[in-house]
Amino acid sequence: MAYSMAGSIFLRLLKDSRKGMFIFLAFGTSLFIFFSISSTLKLHNVPGKTRLHVNLTLEFSKLNPEPVHPLSVKRVSVKEQTITNGSAKVPEEVSEPVGNVSKGHVDHFQWPNEIPKVRSSVNRESKNEVFHDRTLFEQEYKEMNKSLKIYVYPHTKKDPFANILLPVDYEPSGNYASESYFKKSLFKSHFMTNDPSEADLFYMPFSIAGLRHDKRIGVGRIKKFVKKYVDNISIKYPYWNRSGGADHFYVACHSVGRTAMEEAVQVKLNAIQVVCSSSYFLSGYVTHKDASIPQIWPRKGEPPIRALSQRKKLAFYAGAMNSRVRQFLVNIWSNDSDMSIHHTRLKTPYSEALLGSKYCIHAKGFEVNTARIGDALYHGCVPVVLADHYDLPYADILNWNSFSLVLSTMDIPLLKNILEEIGLEEYSKLQNNVMKVQRHFQWHNFPVDFDAFHMVMYELWLRRSHVRIPFGS
């Protein structure tokens, strides 16, 4: 009996020790993976070469010079402290410091009692050059314009969802016009081919904004529509199955597009997603596989010009309070007379405010993207980007540091100091470069060289497969 009991205890201990060992190994592996991901540097893919591209932008803050990984920050709890800069005051609590952060990770950040003096050493690789590599871009752009071919899955006006799948027959407008303009431009361009054997890429022409506003679909049924669409083309045509969708793409500017692929997982994992809501922090968007498209509110005519002497305000922001970033910005700076910071949308046109300011603030809302960057550039105003984890449009083509300020949202209390430390000569370079990149952020009824349509096509050309898979293989 004693031997039996001892044996039983021994077996139980052995079993428990094995279980413990497995738990220990699983826990250790999880920690290893976490720290490996946390320590990985961002690689920015510049056309024609892979290069390390590290900037003092999103993960570094002037308030906190230590690197801050997106996963390591969740909540900033601060007791009320007066900041010695006019009437600015830190709120008692900022529960999103400020950006998209996981609720499962906590780190505390202590705001300073005083705003330190800030040198205007915003990290810019070349303040004069708006391209990472102009020569290479021009060479590859010429090749793209000559050789890129897109096959569009065919649909007719008799299709019950023709309004979703065909180009609109009117001039697109509003916040989500970019996806409609892209489709209209593609159908008018020389990039389309009716011969799938010569196609570099295959376009799935469904419109996310159109699906959202179609009463037969709406937000609740978009996922099922997309899944059914992909199932249908994979059965009817051989192109999807050759690559698992890796040479396919769709375009979406509405934020609903971020969740529209949840039932068509192969689209999210394999296809190229050309989207406005391009956050590299959230699941579903894969930087460098997918592409960021600018959200542009279409403006007619040539961009207006306003002399620097007539730009009386240091900075401008107005918009809905649909994020803690915006709330924090307004709480800190709305009473500062040098800046025009509003807690709601303006009832008057924004054009005068944009033309009358040196800097125009793009603050993250519900998503990282809004039309404010496009608006700022159109009106010759230097954009200030306060949207952590935003994979900026054309980031592998354009040097954003040459025509904008990309700051950590934790630096909102330092904003005025940062802007004032930028001298006239440096600001003039930024503003001149704004004028240089304006054409890349404009849509036209008929595509124009180097406009938004051609820039997106170039992004797609970079992502095409260099080896075509022959039919029947």
Protein backbone atom coordinates (compact mmCIF):
# COMPACT_ATOMS: atom_id res chain seq x y z
CA MET A 1 0.00 0.00 0.00
CA ALA A 2 2.79 2.41 1.00
CA TYR A 3 4.68 1.53 -2.18
CA SER A 4 1.54 2.08 -4.22
CA MET A 5 0.95 5.50 -2.63
CA ALA A 6 4.56 6.52 -3.15
CA GLY A 7 4.38 5.44 -6.78
CA SER A 8 1.20 7.41 -7.27
CA ILE A 9 2.75 10.53 -5.75
CA PHE A 10 5.87 10.08 -7.88
CA LEU A 11 3.82 9.78 -11.08
CA ARG A 12 1.79 12.84 -10.17
CA LEU A 13 4.94 14.86 -9.49
CA LEU A 14 6.42 13.66 -12.77
CA LYS A 15 3.27 14.64 -14.59
CA ASP A 16 3.14 18.03 -12.87
CA SER A 17 6.81 18.65 -13.58
CA ARG A 18 6.29 17.90 -17.27
CA LYS A 19 3.31 20.23 -17.32
CA GLY A 20 5.36 22.88 -15.57
CA MET A 21 8.19 22.41 -18.01
CA PHE A 22 5.85 22.91 -20.97
CA ILE A 23 4.32 25.98 -19.38
CA PHE A 24 7.77 27.37 -18.70
CA LEU A 25 8.87 26.73 -22.30
CA ALA A 26 5.69 28.28 -23.73
CA PHE A 27 6.07 31.34 -21.52
CA GLY A 28 9.74 31.71 -22.39
CA THR A 29 9.04 31.41 -26.11
CA SER A 30 6.30 34.08 -25.88
CA LEU A 31 8.70 36.45 -24.13
CA PHE A 32 11.38 35.81 -26.73
CA ILE A 33 8.98 36.56 -29.61
CA PHE A 34 7.67 39.69 -27.90
CA PHE A 35 11.12 41.16 -27.27
CA SER A 36 12.27 40.21 -30.76
CA ILE A 37 9.35 42.12 -32.30
CA SER A 38 9.79 45.03 -29.92
CA SER A 39 13.43 45.46 -30.81
CA THR A 40 12.97 45.24 -34.57
CA LEU A 41 13.80 48.45 -36.40
CA LYS A 42 11.57 49.68 -39.20
CA LEU A 43 12.98 49.08 -42.66
CA HIS A 44 11.80 51.59 -45.23
CA ASN A 45 11.92 50.22 -48.72
CA VAL A 46 13.36 52.82 -51.05
CA PRO A 47 12.88 51.93 -54.74
CA GLY A 48 15.68 49.78 -56.02
CA LYS A 49 17.34 49.15 -52.69
CA THR A 50 16.59 48.15 -49.13
CA ARG A 51 17.95 50.62 -46.66
CA LEU A 52 17.72 51.29 -42.98
CA HIS A 53 15.68 54.44 -42.47
CA VAL A 54 15.49 55.58 -38.85
CA ASN A 55 13.90 58.91 -37.99
CA LEU A 56 13.14 60.71 -34.75
CA THR A 57 9.42 60.65 -35.34
CA LEU A 58 6.84 58.36 -33.83
CA GLU A 59 8.62 56.15 -31.34
CA PHE A 60 10.79 58.95 -29.97
CA SER A 61 9.53 61.97 -28.12
CA LYS A 62 11.25 65.20 -27.20
CA LEU A 63 9.60 64.90 -23.80
CA ASN A 64 10.93 61.37 -23.42
CA PRO A 65 14.22 60.87 -25.30
CA GLU A 66 14.17 57.13 -24.62
CA PRO A 67 12.71 55.03 -27.43
CA VAL A 68 9.07 54.15 -26.81
CA HIS A 69 7.75 51.11 -28.62
CA PRO A 70 4.06 51.35 -29.55
CA LEU A 71 3.22 48.26 -27.51
CA SER A 72 4.87 49.61 -24.38
CA VAL A 73 2.62 52.60 -23.81
CA LYS A 74 -1.03 52.57 -22.93
CA ARG A 75 -1.99 55.16 -20.42
CA VAL A 76 -0.63 58.46 -19.20
CA SER A 77 -1.84 59.43 -15.75
CA VAL A 78 -0.75 62.87 -14.67
CA LYS A 79 -1.71 65.04 -11.77
CA GLU A 80 -2.65 68.55 -12.79
CA GLN A 81 0.51 70.49 -13.48
CA THR A 82 0.83 73.99 -14.89
CA ILE A 83 3.11 74.29 -17.88
CA THR A 84 4.94 77.58 -17.95
CA ASN A 85 4.00 78.52 -21.50
CA GLY A 86 1.19 81.02 -21.59
CA SER A 87 -2.06 79.56 -20.30
CA ALA A 88 -1.35 75.99 -21.37
CA LYS A 89 -2.13 73.37 -18.76
CA VAL A 90 -1.75 69.60 -18.80
CA PRO A 91 -5.10 67.88 -18.20
CA GLU A 92 -5.50 65.63 -15.20
CA GLU A 93 -5.57 62.49 -17.28
CA VAL A 94 -4.75 61.53 -20.80
CA SER A 95 -5.93 58.00 -21.34
CA GLU A 96 -4.56 57.61 -24.86
CA PRO A 97 -1.14 58.96 -25.01
CA VAL A 98 -1.43 59.64 -27.23
CA GLY A 99 -2.07 57.54 -30.31
CA ASN A 100 -3.33 54.05 -31.02
CA VAL A 101 -2.24 51.92 -28.09
CA SER A 102 -3.07 48.48 -26.83
CA LYS A 103 -5.20 48.33 -23.69
CA GLY A 104 -3.20 45.37 -22.52
CA HIS A 105 0.03 47.25 -21.95
CA VAL A 106 0.70 49.92 -19.34
CA ASP A 107 3.52 52.35 -18.93
CA HIS A 108 3.57 55.60 -16.97
CA PHE A 109 4.98 58.79 -18.33
CA GLN A 110 5.73 61.83 -16.18
CA TRP A 111 5.05 65.17 -17.80
CA PRO A 112 7.62 67.84 -16.90
CA ASN A 113 6.75 70.79 -14.69
CA GLU A 114 8.17 73.08 -17.35
CA ILE A 115 8.49 72.77 -21.09
CA PRO A 116 12.20 72.45 -21.89
CA LYS A 117 13.74 74.50 -24.65
CA VAL A 118 13.64 72.56 -27.89
CA ARG A 119 16.17 72.80 -30.65
CA SER A 120 14.63 72.62 -34.10
CA SER A 121 16.68 69.55 -34.98
CA VAL A 122 13.77 67.65 -36.47
CA ASN A 123 15.49 64.76 -38.19
CA ARG A 124 15.60 65.43 -41.93
CA GLU A 125 17.89 63.58 -44.30
CA SER A 126 17.84 66.32 -46.97
CA LYS A 127 15.82 69.45 -46.46
CA ASN A 128 16.03 70.40 -50.12
CA GLU A 129 15.16 67.10 -51.82
CA VAL A 130 11.57 65.84 -51.69
CA PHE A 131 12.47 62.40 -53.11
CA HIS A 132 14.55 59.76 -51.40
CA ASP A 133 16.24 59.19 -54.76
CA ARG A 134 15.01 61.43 -57.57
CA THR A 135 17.12 59.87 -60.32
CA LEU A 136 15.99 56.35 -59.51
CA PHE A 137 12.35 57.46 -59.20
CA GLU A 138 12.41 59.16 -62.61
CA GLN A 139 13.98 56.11 -64.26
CA GLU A 140 11.53 53.66 -62.73
CA TYR A 141 8.55 55.96 -63.28
CA LYS A 142 9.35 56.04 -67.00
CA GLU A 143 9.57 52.24 -67.08
CA MET A 144 6.32 51.92 -65.11
CA ASN A 145 4.52 54.29 -67.48
CA LYS A 146 5.66 52.22 -70.44
CA SER A 147 5.21 48.66 -69.19
CA LEU A 148 2.73 48.31 -66.29
CA LYS A 149 -0.46 46.46 -67.23
CA ILE A 150 -3.57 45.99 -65.08
CA TYR A 151 -6.36 43.53 -65.75
CA VAL A 152 -9.71 44.62 -64.31
CA TYR A 153 -12.30 41.92 -63.62
CA PRO A 154 -15.03 42.68 -66.18
CA HIS A 155 -18.52 43.80 -65.21
CA THR A 156 -21.35 45.32 -67.22
CA LYS A 157 -24.03 47.91 -66.56
CA LYS A 158 -26.52 45.03 -66.31
CA ASP A 159 -24.72 43.68 -63.25
CA PRO A 160 -27.00 44.13 -60.20
CA PHE A 161 -24.08 45.75 -58.37
CA ALA A 162 -22.83 47.85 -61.30
CA ASN A 163 -22.95 50.91 -59.03
CA ILE A 164 -20.38 49.21 -56.80
CA LEU A 165 -18.14 47.71 -59.49
CA LEU A 166 -18.04 50.25 -62.34
CA PRO A 167 -16.64 53.79 -62.30
CA VAL A 168 -19.10 56.48 -61.24
CA ASP A 169 -20.41 58.69 -64.05
CA TYR A 170 -20.03 61.91 -62.08
CA GLU A 171 -17.18 63.89 -60.55
CA PRO A 172 -16.34 62.35 -57.16
CA SER A 173 -16.37 64.58 -54.09
CA GLY A 174 -16.09 64.34 -50.32
CA ASN A 175 -13.70 62.66 -47.91
CA TYR A 176 -13.63 59.29 -49.67
CA ALA A 177 -13.27 60.50 -53.25
CA SER A 178 -9.83 58.95 -53.67
CA GLU A 179 -11.10 55.41 -54.31
CA SER A 180 -13.61 56.65 -56.90
CA TYR A 181 -11.05 58.87 -58.62
CA PHE A 182 -8.59 55.99 -58.84
CA LYS A 183 -11.14 53.77 -60.59
CA LYS A 184 -12.22 56.51 -63.02
CA SER A 185 -8.59 57.31 -63.81
CA LEU A 186 -7.62 53.68 -64.35
CA PHE A 187 -10.48 53.11 -66.79
CA LYS A 188 -9.30 56.12 -68.81
CA SER A 189 -5.62 55.19 -68.72
CA HIS A 190 -3.28 53.18 -70.94
CA PHE A 191 -2.48 50.84 -68.02
CA MET A 192 -5.60 48.69 -68.54
CA THR A 193 -5.35 45.53 -70.59
CA ASN A 194 -7.98 43.07 -71.81
CA ASP A 195 -5.33 40.35 -72.08
CA PRO A 196 -4.79 38.78 -68.63
CA SER A 197 -1.69 36.94 -69.88
CA GLU A 198 0.21 40.26 -70.06
CA ALA A 199 -1.14 41.66 -66.79
CA ASP A 200 1.21 42.47 -63.94
CA LEU A 201 -1.66 42.92 -61.48
CA PHE A 202 -5.38 42.16 -61.22
CA TYR A 203 -7.81 44.80 -59.90
CA MET A 204 -10.89 43.86 -57.88
CA PRO A 205 -13.04 46.94 -58.56
CA PHE A 206 -15.54 46.82 -55.69
CA SER A 207 -16.00 50.12 -53.88
CA ILE A 208 -16.00 49.98 -50.07
CA ALA A 209 -17.63 53.42 -49.80
CA GLY A 210 -20.20 52.34 -52.36
CA LEU A 211 -20.95 49.13 -50.47
CA ARG A 212 -21.33 51.06 -47.22
CA HIS A 213 -23.95 53.38 -48.71
CA ASP A 214 -25.82 50.72 -50.70
CA LYS A 215 -29.01 49.86 -48.79
CA ARG A 216 -28.78 46.22 -49.93
CA ILE A 217 -25.38 45.85 -48.26
CA GLY A 218 -24.54 48.48 -45.65
CA VAL A 219 -21.78 48.16 -43.08
CA GLY A 220 -23.09 44.87 -41.69
CA ARG A 221 -22.89 42.89 -44.95
CA ILE A 222 -19.69 44.23 -46.54
CA LYS A 223 -17.59 41.33 -45.22
CA LYS A 224 -19.93 38.75 -46.76
CA PHE A 225 -20.03 40.62 -50.09
CA VAL A 226 -16.22 40.70 -50.33
CA LYS A 227 -15.91 37.01 -49.43
CA LYS A 228 -18.52 36.05 -52.03
CA TYR A 229 -16.81 38.22 -54.65
CA VAL A 230 -13.43 36.55 -54.08
CA ASP A 231 -15.02 33.08 -54.05
CA ASN A 232 -16.72 33.85 -57.38
CA ILE A 233 -13.62 35.09 -59.20
CA SER A 234 -11.56 32.18 -57.87
CA ILE A 235 -14.09 29.75 -59.38
CA LYS A 236 -14.82 31.61 -62.62
CA TYR A 237 -11.25 32.69 -63.45
CA PRO A 238 -7.85 30.98 -62.98
CA TYR A 239 -5.91 34.12 -62.00
CA TRP A 240 -6.58 34.25 -58.26
CA ASN A 241 -5.66 30.61 -57.64
CA ARG A 242 -2.25 30.88 -59.36
CA SER A 243 -0.86 33.11 -56.64
CA GLY A 244 -3.41 32.93 -53.83
CA GLY A 245 -4.27 36.54 -54.68
CA ALA A 246 -0.74 37.94 -54.25
CA ASP A 247 -0.94 39.73 -57.62
CA HIS A 248 -4.40 41.17 -56.88
CA PHE A 249 -5.34 44.48 -55.31
CA TYR A 250 -8.30 46.60 -54.27
CA VAL A 251 -8.58 50.30 -53.33
CA ALA A 252 -10.46 51.67 -50.32
CA CYS A 253 -10.45 55.04 -48.62
CA HIS A 254 -13.31 54.58 -46.17
CA SER A 255 -12.25 53.37 -42.72
CA VAL A 256 -14.75 50.49 -43.01
CA GLY A 257 -12.28 48.96 -45.46
CA ARG A 258 -10.02 48.02 -42.56
CA THR A 259 -12.49 45.36 -41.37
CA ALA A 260 -14.08 44.51 -44.73
CA MET A 261 -11.65 41.65 -45.37
CA GLU A 262 -12.17 39.77 -42.11
CA GLU A 263 -14.13 36.95 -43.78
CA ALA A 264 -11.84 36.90 -46.82
CA VAL A 265 -8.63 36.35 -44.90
CA GLN A 266 -6.63 35.48 -48.02
CA VAL A 267 -7.23 39.02 -49.28
CA LYS A 268 -5.89 40.52 -46.07
CA LEU A 269 -2.86 38.21 -46.00
CA ASN A 270 -1.95 38.01 -49.69
CA ALA A 271 -3.51 40.74 -51.82
CA ILE A 272 -2.23 44.32 -52.04
CA GLN A 273 -4.48 46.60 -50.02
CA VAL A 274 -4.36 50.19 -51.29
CA VAL A 275 -6.00 52.07 -48.44
CA CYS A 276 -6.21 55.46 -46.75
CA SER A 277 -6.40 54.04 -43.19
CA SER A 278 -2.82 52.76 -43.30
CA SER A 279 -1.79 52.23 -39.70
CA TYR A 280 1.17 49.88 -39.21
CA PHE A 281 0.13 49.39 -35.59
CA LEU A 282 -3.22 47.76 -36.30
CA SER A 283 -3.76 44.27 -37.68
CA GLY A 284 -4.88 43.90 -41.27
CA TYR A 285 -2.42 46.32 -42.85
CA VAL A 286 1.06 45.10 -43.78
CA THR A 287 3.53 47.88 -44.55
CA HIS A 288 5.33 47.44 -47.90
CA LYS A 289 2.99 44.64 -49.02
CA ASP A 290 0.11 47.07 -48.87
CA ALA A 291 0.17 50.69 -50.02
CA SER A 292 -0.98 53.95 -48.45
CA ILE A 293 -3.18 56.20 -50.59
CA PRO A 294 -3.72 59.87 -49.65
CA GLN A 295 -7.18 60.91 -48.52
CA ILE A 296 -7.90 63.98 -50.61
CA TRP A 297 -10.93 66.23 -50.69
CA PRO A 298 -10.97 67.25 -54.38
CA ARG A 299 -10.31 70.94 -55.04
CA LYS A 300 -10.85 72.64 -58.37
CA GLY A 301 -8.35 74.92 -60.01
CA GLU A 302 -4.72 75.68 -59.34
CA PRO A 303 -3.58 75.79 -55.70
CA PRO A 304 -3.80 79.31 -54.25
CA ILE A 305 -0.65 81.21 -53.26
CA ARG A 306 -0.34 83.26 -50.06
CA ALA A 307 2.82 85.14 -49.08
CA LEU A 308 4.50 84.20 -45.82
CA SER A 309 3.98 87.74 -44.48
CA GLN A 310 0.22 87.18 -44.78
CA ARG A 311 0.26 83.95 -42.79
CA LYS A 312 -0.38 85.55 -39.42
CA LYS A 313 -1.16 82.45 -37.33
CA LEU A 314 1.55 80.04 -36.24
CA ALA A 315 -0.70 76.95 -36.55
CA PHE A 316 -4.28 75.96 -37.35
CA TYR A 317 -6.49 73.05 -36.39
CA ALA A 318 -10.27 72.54 -36.39
CA GLY A 319 -12.32 69.34 -36.36
CA ALA A 320 -14.54 66.97 -34.46
CA MET A 321 -13.34 65.76 -31.05
CA ASN A 322 -13.39 62.07 -31.98
CA SER A 323 -10.07 61.06 -30.41
CA ARG A 324 -8.13 61.75 -27.24
CA VAL A 325 -5.27 63.10 -29.34
CA ARG A 326 -7.51 65.89 -30.60
CA GLN A 327 -8.95 66.50 -27.15
CA PHE A 328 -5.45 66.76 -25.70
CA LEU A 329 -4.35 69.15 -28.47
CA VAL A 330 -7.34 71.42 -27.87
CA ASN A 331 -7.04 71.29 -24.06
CA ILE A 332 -3.42 72.43 -24.26
CA TRP A 333 -3.50 75.05 -27.02
CA SER A 334 -7.04 76.33 -27.68
CA ASN A 335 -6.47 79.49 -25.61
CA ASP A 336 -3.14 80.39 -27.15
CA SER A 337 -3.51 83.58 -29.20
CA ASP A 338 -0.65 82.74 -31.59
CA MET A 339 -2.37 79.56 -32.75
CA SER A 340 -5.85 78.96 -34.12
CA ILE A 341 -6.92 75.71 -32.43
CA HIS A 342 -10.66 74.93 -32.37
CA HIS A 343 -12.64 72.27 -30.50
CA THR A 344 -15.17 71.83 -33.32
CA ARG A 345 -15.49 72.13 -37.08
CA LEU A 346 -15.60 75.66 -38.47
CA LYS A 347 -18.89 76.97 -39.78
CA THR A 348 -17.00 78.98 -42.39
CA PRO A 349 -14.79 77.56 -45.20
CA TYR A 350 -11.40 76.34 -44.03
CA SER A 351 -9.55 77.97 -46.93
CA GLU A 352 -8.84 81.29 -45.22
CA ALA A 353 -7.64 79.59 -42.03
CA LEU A 354 -5.36 77.29 -44.05
CA LEU A 355 -4.00 80.17 -46.12
CA GLY A 356 -3.55 82.36 -43.04
CA SER A 357 -1.39 79.86 -41.09
CA LYS A 358 2.24 78.78 -41.37
CA TYR A 359 1.56 75.26 -40.09
CA CYS A 360 -1.59 73.16 -40.43
CA ILE A 361 -2.11 70.33 -37.96
CA HIS A 362 -3.18 66.85 -38.95
CA ALA A 363 -4.30 65.23 -35.68
CA LYS A 364 -5.40 61.60 -35.54
CA GLY A 365 -9.15 61.14 -35.31
CA PHE A 366 -11.06 57.87 -35.35
CA GLU A 367 -8.40 56.72 -37.84
CA VAL A 368 -4.85 57.91 -38.47
CA ASN A 369 -5.88 59.45 -41.78
CA THR A 370 -7.96 62.50 -42.65
CA ALA A 371 -8.08 64.85 -45.64
CA ARG A 372 -6.20 67.53 -43.65
CA ILE A 373 -2.75 66.75 -45.09
CA GLY A 374 -4.08 67.11 -48.63
CA ASP A 375 -5.88 70.33 -47.64
CA ALA A 376 -2.72 71.75 -46.03
CA LEU A 377 -0.57 70.97 -49.07
CA TYR A 378 -3.12 72.41 -51.50
CA HIS A 379 -3.16 75.70 -49.57
CA GLY A 380 0.63 75.89 -49.25
CA CYS A 381 0.60 75.24 -45.50
CA VAL A 382 3.30 73.04 -43.93
CA PRO A 383 1.60 69.93 -42.44
CA VAL A 384 2.28 68.94 -38.83
CA VAL A 385 1.43 65.24 -38.47
CA LEU A 386 0.22 64.16 -35.02
CA ALA A 387 -0.86 60.61 -35.83
CA ASP A 388 1.38 57.93 -34.38
CA HIS A 389 1.84 54.75 -36.45
CA TYR A 390 0.54 56.36 -39.67
CA ASP A 391 2.21 54.78 -42.72
CA LEU A 392 2.24 58.02 -44.68
CA PRO A 393 1.32 57.97 -48.38
CA TYR A 394 4.26 57.48 -50.78
CA ALA A 395 6.61 57.05 -47.80
CA ASP A 396 8.99 54.91 -49.87
CA ILE A 397 9.10 57.61 -52.57
CA LEU A 398 8.85 61.00 -50.86
CA ASN A 399 11.01 62.35 -48.06
CA TRP A 400 8.27 63.61 -45.73
CA ASN A 401 10.82 65.29 -43.50
CA SER A 402 11.55 67.75 -46.31
CA PHE A 403 8.03 69.24 -46.47
CA SER A 404 6.31 68.40 -43.16
CA LEU A 405 6.85 67.87 -39.44
CA VAL A 406 6.07 64.36 -38.22
CA LEU A 407 5.94 64.50 -34.42
CA SER A 408 5.09 62.14 -31.61
CA THR A 409 1.69 62.90 -30.12
CA MET A 410 3.39 62.89 -26.71
CA ASP A 411 5.07 66.12 -27.82
CA ILE A 412 1.82 68.08 -27.98
CA PRO A 413 2.78 70.16 -24.89
CA LEU A 414 6.00 71.13 -26.75
CA LEU A 415 4.27 71.97 -30.01
CA LYS A 416 4.58 75.76 -29.87
CA ASN A 417 8.23 75.63 -28.84
CA ILE A 418 9.04 73.19 -31.64
CA LEU A 419 7.38 75.41 -34.25
CA GLU A 420 8.89 78.65 -32.95
CA GLU A 421 12.40 77.17 -32.94
CA ILE A 422 12.20 76.66 -36.70
CA GLY A 423 13.84 79.71 -38.27
CA LEU A 424 12.71 81.61 -41.36
CA GLU A 425 15.26 79.95 -43.65
CA GLU A 426 14.31 76.43 -42.56
CA TYR A 427 10.60 77.20 -42.78
CA SER A 428 11.07 78.61 -46.30
CA LYS A 429 12.65 75.32 -47.39
CA LEU A 430 9.74 73.37 -45.93
CA GLN A 431 7.17 75.62 -47.57
CA ASN A 432 8.93 75.60 -50.94
CA ASN A 433 8.95 71.80 -50.83
CA VAL A 434 5.22 71.84 -50.06
CA MET A 435 4.75 73.60 -53.40
CA LYS A 436 6.90 70.94 -55.11
CA VAL A 437 4.82 67.99 -53.85
CA GLN A 438 1.38 69.54 -54.40
CA ARG A 439 0.91 67.85 -57.78
CA HIS A 440 1.39 64.39 -56.22
CA PHE A 441 -1.64 64.96 -53.99
CA GLN A 442 -4.17 65.99 -56.66
CA TRP A 443 -6.72 64.00 -58.66
CA HIS A 444 -7.89 64.97 -62.15
CA ASN A 445 -10.81 63.98 -64.36
CA PHE A 446 -8.21 62.82 -66.86
CA PRO A 447 -4.94 61.53 -65.34
CA VAL A 448 -1.99 63.90 -65.43
CA ASP A 449 1.64 62.80 -65.14
CA PHE A 450 2.89 62.62 -61.53
CA ASP A 451 -0.56 63.25 -60.04
CA ALA A 452 -2.06 61.12 -57.25
CA PHE A 453 -3.21 58.46 -59.71
CA HIS A 454 0.24 58.00 -61.24
CA MET A 455 1.90 57.98 -57.82
CA VAL A 456 -0.42 55.18 -56.68
CA MET A 457 0.29 53.30 -59.91
CA TYR A 458 4.00 53.63 -59.20
CA GLU A 459 3.44 52.21 -55.70
CA LEU A 460 1.65 49.25 -57.31
CA TRP A 461 4.46 48.85 -59.84
CA LEU A 462 6.93 48.53 -56.95
CA ARG A 463 4.80 45.76 -55.46
CA ARG A 464 4.19 43.75 -58.62
CA SER A 465 5.62 40.27 -58.96
CA HIS A 466 8.77 40.22 -61.06
CA VAL A 467 8.01 36.66 -62.24
CA ARG A 468 4.72 36.05 -63.98
CA ILE A 469 3.20 32.64 -63.29
CA PRO A 470 2.15 31.12 -66.63
CA PHE A 471 -1.37 29.84 -67.05
CA GLY A 472 -1.84 26.10 -66.60
CA SER A 473 1.24 25.73 -64.36
